[in-house]
Amino acid sequence: MKHTFQSALLTATVALCSISPVVQAQTESKVASAPVINEYKLGSGDVIRISVYQNLDLTLETRVTEAGLVTFPLLGTIRLGGLGVTAAEKLISDGLRNGNFVKQPQVTIVVLQVRGNQASVLGQVNRPGRFPIEVADMRLTDLLATAGGTSPIGSDRVVLSGTRNGAPYRMEVDLPTLFGPGGRDKDVVIQNGDTLWVDRQPLIFIYGEVQRPGATRLERGMTVMQALATGGGLNLRGTERGIRVHRKGADGKVQVLQPKMDDTLLEGDVVFVQESLF
């Protein structure tokens, strides 16, 4: 009985050992073939360093050409443009292995300078300029944050323009909605060559018998009373009965309105407070 049990145990152990490498190989194959999500894709102009473990003579710092090509020792000219870093590493590794140059190559690519994928931010931001797209899923809010956010006079509405599927692309985005329910879907992914434009915030103008006449930022849903409050309110000579709003119509003509205090103002409105006669 004891001999039979030992024989069965030995048989099970041998079977397990024979299966284990197969399972391990299948696991490694799945890991190797699994796509890398949101990985940066190499572009023309990028400066990269390619190194092969324990093969210092194969270390190379180079720039990806406009055609997306790189010249690598032993392999010659290879196309890396448009590939993710992992895919590019595998391409070189396979070339070295299949050419019998290196038995088990371990290739590492480091992006030293991002030049091939960039987007611009212009207008009323704190740091306008051209910025690298360092990750594949860089969003509009990420790009705006890279530019330091909107300036104090920047608008809440921005315009993103570029190219999608070979056709011109333009989208106007209301920034506050990006942080509400479902806002992630409106936070579009930035692509190479995109330009984000931040216009000046709409203004209204207050003059006449107020404490601080001048231009002021038009906030969302701003009423006549709120506008007067930003101007410090009426002075001693001002009167509510003398409040007028000058508004330019679609035909270019200016209309003079006698508003209520809770009426909403529009961009370019001029609030005038007349002097009290008594």
Protein backbone atom coordinates (compact mmCIF):
# COMPACT_ATOMS: atom_id res chain seq x y z
CA MET A 1 0.00 0.00 0.00
CA LYS A 2 2.82 2.34 0.94
CA HIS A 3 4.69 1.51 -2.26
CA THR A 4 1.59 2.23 -4.36
CA PHE A 5 1.10 5.66 -2.68
CA GLN A 6 4.73 6.62 -3.29
CA SER A 7 4.49 5.61 -6.94
CA ALA A 8 1.36 7.72 -7.41
CA LEU A 9 3.01 10.70 -5.73
CA LEU A 10 6.10 10.38 -7.93
CA THR A 11 3.95 10.20 -11.08
CA ALA A 12 1.99 13.33 -10.07
CA THR A 13 5.21 15.23 -9.34
CA VAL A 14 6.71 14.38 -12.74
CA ALA A 15 3.48 15.41 -14.50
CA LEU A 16 3.40 18.73 -12.62
CA CYS A 17 7.01 19.46 -13.50
CA SER A 18 6.32 18.80 -17.18
CA ILE A 19 3.29 21.08 -17.18
CA SER A 20 4.92 23.94 -15.25
CA PRO A 21 7.27 25.14 -18.05
CA VAL A 22 4.35 25.11 -20.49
CA VAL A 23 2.20 27.22 -18.17
CA GLN A 24 5.13 29.58 -17.54
CA ALA A 25 5.81 29.91 -21.26
CA GLN A 26 2.13 30.62 -21.95
CA THR A 27 2.07 33.24 -19.16
CA GLU A 28 5.22 34.94 -20.47
CA SER A 29 3.78 34.89 -24.00
CA LYS A 30 0.60 36.59 -22.83
CA VAL A 31 2.57 39.23 -20.93
CA ALA A 32 4.84 39.86 -23.90
CA SER A 33 1.94 40.12 -26.35
CA ALA A 34 -0.25 42.26 -24.09
CA PRO A 35 -0.50 45.77 -25.56
CA VAL A 36 0.94 48.63 -23.54
CA ILE A 37 -1.87 51.10 -22.96
CA ASN A 38 -1.25 54.85 -23.32
CA GLU A 39 2.43 54.42 -24.19
CA TYR A 40 4.30 57.26 -25.86
CA LYS A 41 4.85 56.76 -29.59
CA LEU A 42 8.16 57.82 -31.07
CA GLY A 43 8.02 60.66 -33.57
CA SER A 44 10.35 62.42 -35.99
CA GLY A 45 12.86 64.63 -34.19
CA ASP A 46 12.78 62.67 -30.92
CA VAL A 47 16.20 62.08 -29.36
CA ILE A 48 16.53 58.57 -27.91
CA ARG A 49 19.14 56.39 -26.25
CA ILE A 50 19.20 52.69 -27.22
CA SER A 51 21.16 50.29 -25.03
CA VAL A 52 21.60 46.51 -25.04
CA TYR A 53 22.37 44.83 -21.73
CA GLN A 54 26.05 43.73 -21.49
CA ASN A 55 26.74 45.06 -24.99
CA LEU A 56 28.12 48.55 -24.49
CA ASP A 57 29.32 48.73 -28.10
CA LEU A 58 25.65 48.70 -29.18
CA THR A 59 24.69 51.75 -27.07
CA LEU A 60 23.50 54.54 -29.33
CA GLU A 61 22.15 58.08 -28.88
CA THR A 62 20.40 59.26 -32.01
CA ARG A 63 17.58 61.36 -33.42
CA VAL A 64 14.61 59.89 -35.24
CA THR A 65 14.63 61.25 -38.79
CA GLU A 66 11.74 63.03 -40.48
CA ALA A 67 10.93 59.71 -42.14
CA GLY A 68 10.82 57.97 -38.75
CA LEU A 69 14.07 56.08 -39.35
CA VAL A 70 17.05 55.26 -37.15
CA THR A 71 20.38 53.70 -38.16
CA PHE A 72 21.43 51.06 -35.62
CA PRO A 73 24.67 49.00 -35.53
CA LEU A 74 24.41 45.55 -37.16
CA LEU A 75 20.79 46.14 -38.22
CA GLY A 76 21.22 49.16 -40.46
CA THR A 77 18.24 51.43 -41.05
CA ILE A 78 15.09 50.56 -39.13
CA ARG A 79 11.75 52.36 -38.83
CA LEU A 80 10.85 53.36 -35.26
CA GLY A 81 8.61 56.36 -35.95
CA GLY A 82 5.03 55.71 -34.88
CA LEU A 83 5.96 52.79 -32.63
CA GLY A 84 5.55 52.72 -28.90
CA VAL A 85 8.75 52.39 -26.87
CA THR A 86 8.00 48.75 -26.01
CA ALA A 87 7.31 47.86 -29.65
CA ALA A 88 10.51 49.60 -30.75
CA GLU A 89 12.53 47.70 -28.15
CA LYS A 90 11.04 44.41 -29.38
CA LEU A 91 11.80 45.27 -33.01
CA ILE A 92 15.49 45.80 -32.25
CA SER A 93 15.64 42.79 -29.95
CA ASP A 94 14.12 40.52 -32.60
CA GLY A 95 16.55 41.84 -35.21
CA LEU A 96 19.58 41.13 -33.03
CA ARG A 97 18.31 37.66 -32.10
CA ASN A 98 17.21 36.60 -35.59
CA GLY A 99 20.48 37.82 -37.07
CA ASN A 100 22.44 35.77 -34.52
CA PHE A 101 24.21 38.91 -33.30
CA VAL A 102 23.10 38.59 -29.66
CA LYS A 103 21.68 35.38 -28.20
CA GLN A 104 19.23 36.86 -25.65
CA PRO A 105 19.21 40.65 -26.21
CA GLN A 106 17.65 42.91 -23.59
CA VAL A 107 17.02 46.23 -25.30
CA THR A 108 16.12 49.46 -23.49
CA ILE A 109 15.04 52.72 -25.17
CA VAL A 110 14.98 55.99 -23.24
CA VAL A 111 13.42 59.12 -24.78
CA LEU A 112 15.84 61.95 -24.01
CA GLN A 113 14.02 64.76 -25.83
CA VAL A 114 10.46 64.85 -27.12
CA ARG A 115 10.38 66.70 -30.42
CA GLY A 116 8.16 64.63 -32.65
CA ASN A 117 4.86 65.08 -30.77
CA GLN A 118 4.07 68.60 -29.61
CA ALA A 119 1.09 70.90 -29.13
CA SER A 120 0.82 74.67 -28.76
CA VAL A 121 -1.04 76.81 -26.22
CA LEU A 122 -1.67 80.43 -27.17
CA GLY A 123 -3.58 83.41 -25.84
CA GLN A 124 -4.44 84.27 -22.27
CA VAL A 125 -2.43 81.64 -20.36
CA ASN A 126 0.39 82.07 -17.88
CA ARG A 127 3.06 80.30 -19.99
CA PRO A 128 2.12 80.27 -23.69
CA GLY A 129 4.31 78.12 -25.91
CA ARG A 130 4.87 74.76 -27.53
CA PHE A 131 4.89 71.70 -25.28
CA PRO A 132 5.80 68.02 -25.78
CA ILE A 133 3.10 65.35 -25.69
CA GLU A 134 4.89 62.94 -23.40
CA VAL A 135 2.06 60.42 -22.92
CA ALA A 136 -0.37 58.96 -25.43
CA ASP A 137 -3.51 60.03 -23.55
CA MET A 138 -2.58 63.64 -22.77
CA ARG A 139 -5.87 65.51 -22.36
CA LEU A 140 -6.88 69.12 -22.94
CA THR A 141 -6.75 69.85 -19.21
CA ASP A 142 -3.26 68.32 -19.00
CA LEU A 143 -2.03 70.59 -21.80
CA LEU A 144 -3.63 73.64 -20.20
CA ALA A 145 -2.02 72.80 -16.85
CA THR A 146 1.37 72.47 -18.56
CA ALA A 147 0.91 76.05 -19.80
CA GLY A 148 0.25 77.23 -16.24
CA GLY A 149 -3.53 77.51 -16.59
CA THR A 150 -5.54 80.48 -17.80
CA SER A 151 -4.47 83.97 -16.78
CA PRO A 152 -6.74 86.22 -14.68
CA ILE A 153 -8.19 87.71 -17.86
CA GLY A 154 -8.48 84.37 -19.68
CA SER A 155 -11.83 83.08 -20.85
CA ASP A 156 -13.59 79.98 -19.54
CA ARG A 157 -14.17 78.92 -23.13
CA VAL A 158 -11.24 77.67 -25.17
CA VAL A 159 -10.83 76.53 -28.77
CA LEU A 160 -8.87 73.42 -29.76
CA SER A 161 -7.87 73.13 -33.42
CA GLY A 162 -5.82 70.60 -35.31
CA THR A 163 -6.24 67.65 -37.67
CA ARG A 164 -8.20 64.43 -37.17
CA ASN A 165 -8.19 61.65 -39.80
CA GLY A 166 -6.63 64.01 -42.33
CA ALA A 167 -9.39 66.63 -42.00
CA PRO A 168 -9.32 70.03 -40.22
CA TYR A 169 -10.63 69.83 -36.67
CA ARG A 170 -12.03 72.57 -34.43
CA MET A 171 -13.77 72.23 -31.08
CA GLU A 172 -14.95 74.86 -28.61
CA VAL A 173 -14.76 73.67 -25.01
CA ASP A 174 -16.46 75.14 -21.95
CA LEU A 175 -13.86 74.49 -19.23
CA PRO A 176 -16.17 74.29 -16.17
CA THR A 177 -18.18 71.49 -17.81
CA LEU A 178 -15.06 69.29 -17.87
CA PHE A 179 -15.24 69.01 -14.10
CA GLY A 180 -18.93 68.16 -13.92
CA PRO A 181 -20.69 64.81 -14.43
CA GLY A 182 -19.53 63.19 -17.67
CA GLY A 183 -16.82 65.78 -18.10
CA ARG A 184 -14.14 63.19 -18.82
CA ASP A 185 -15.75 62.45 -22.18
CA LYS A 186 -15.42 66.12 -23.16
CA ASP A 187 -11.78 66.30 -22.09
CA VAL A 188 -10.44 65.42 -25.53
CA VAL A 189 -7.12 63.67 -26.18
CA ILE A 190 -4.42 65.97 -27.56
CA GLN A 191 -2.67 64.96 -30.78
CA ASN A 192 0.50 66.08 -32.46
CA GLY A 193 0.16 69.55 -33.99
CA ASP A 194 -2.89 70.62 -31.97
CA THR A 195 -3.26 74.27 -30.94
CA LEU A 196 -5.21 75.42 -27.90
CA TRP A 197 -6.40 79.04 -28.01
CA VAL A 198 -7.55 80.86 -24.86
CA ASP A 199 -9.31 84.11 -25.67
CA ARG A 200 -9.74 87.12 -23.41
CA GLN A 201 -12.66 86.90 -21.01
CA PRO A 202 -15.68 88.94 -22.24
CA LEU A 203 -15.93 92.41 -20.71
CA ILE A 204 -18.62 94.90 -19.80
CA PHE A 205 -18.15 98.59 -19.05
CA ILE A 206 -19.49 100.69 -16.19
CA TYR A 207 -19.37 104.47 -16.14
CA GLY A 208 -21.22 107.45 -14.81
CA GLU A 209 -22.08 107.98 -11.16
CA VAL A 210 -20.39 104.90 -9.65
CA GLN A 211 -17.49 104.53 -7.25
CA ARG A 212 -15.10 102.74 -9.65
CA PRO A 213 -16.00 103.20 -13.32
CA GLY A 214 -14.21 101.13 -15.97
CA ALA A 215 -14.10 97.75 -17.65
CA THR A 216 -14.87 94.60 -15.67
CA ARG A 217 -14.95 90.87 -16.38
CA LEU A 218 -18.34 89.50 -17.43
CA GLU A 219 -19.06 86.52 -15.22
CA ARG A 220 -21.61 83.88 -16.14
CA GLY A 221 -25.16 85.11 -15.61
CA MET A 222 -23.96 88.47 -14.26
CA THR A 223 -26.85 90.81 -13.49
CA VAL A 224 -27.00 94.60 -13.50
CA MET A 225 -26.85 94.64 -9.70
CA GLN A 226 -23.77 92.43 -9.64
CA ALA A 227 -22.07 94.60 -12.24
CA LEU A 228 -22.74 97.71 -10.21
CA ALA A 229 -21.34 95.95 -7.15
CA THR A 230 -18.05 95.29 -8.96
CA GLY A 231 -17.91 99.03 -9.62
CA GLY A 232 -18.31 99.79 -5.91
CA GLY A 233 -21.99 100.73 -6.21
CA LEU A 234 -23.54 104.11 -6.88
CA ASN A 235 -21.93 107.24 -5.51
CA LEU A 236 -23.86 109.97 -3.74
CA ARG A 237 -24.95 111.55 -7.02
CA GLY A 238 -26.12 108.33 -8.67
CA THR A 239 -29.69 107.06 -8.83
CA GLU A 240 -31.16 103.66 -9.68
CA ARG A 241 -33.78 105.37 -11.83
CA GLY A 242 -30.98 106.69 -14.01
CA ILE A 243 -29.43 103.30 -14.85
CA ARG A 244 -29.24 102.59 -18.57
CA VAL A 245 -27.66 99.74 -20.56
CA HIS A 246 -26.22 100.51 -23.97
CA ARG A 247 -26.22 97.34 -26.08
CA LYS A 248 -25.09 96.86 -29.67
CA GLY A 249 -27.60 94.91 -31.75
CA ALA A 250 -27.01 92.46 -34.59
CA ASP A 251 -27.35 95.32 -37.07
CA GLY A 252 -24.55 97.24 -35.35
CA LYS A 253 -26.87 99.89 -33.93
CA VAL A 254 -26.73 100.70 -30.21
CA GLN A 255 -29.92 100.27 -28.23
CA VAL A 256 -30.49 102.11 -24.97
CA LEU A 257 -32.35 99.94 -22.44
CA GLN A 258 -33.80 100.70 -19.02
CA PRO A 259 -33.05 97.46 -17.19
CA LYS A 260 -34.21 95.87 -14.00
CA MET A 261 -31.59 95.16 -11.37
CA ASP A 262 -31.85 91.38 -11.96
CA ASP A 263 -31.57 91.57 -15.76
CA THR A 264 -28.65 89.61 -17.23
CA LEU A 265 -25.90 91.47 -19.06
CA LEU A 266 -24.24 90.48 -22.34
CA GLU A 267 -20.71 90.83 -23.61
CA GLY A 268 -19.86 94.41 -24.54
CA ASP A 269 -22.75 95.97 -22.61
CA VAL A 270 -22.16 99.45 -21.26
CA VAL A 271 -23.88 100.25 -17.94
CA PHE A 272 -24.37 103.99 -17.49
CA VAL A 273 -25.57 105.56 -14.25
CA GLN A 274 -27.03 109.04 -14.66
CA GLU A 275 -26.75 111.78 -12.07
CA SER A 276 -29.75 112.34 -9.84
CA LEU A 277 -31.54 115.59 -10.50
CA PHE A 278 -32.55 115.99 -6.85
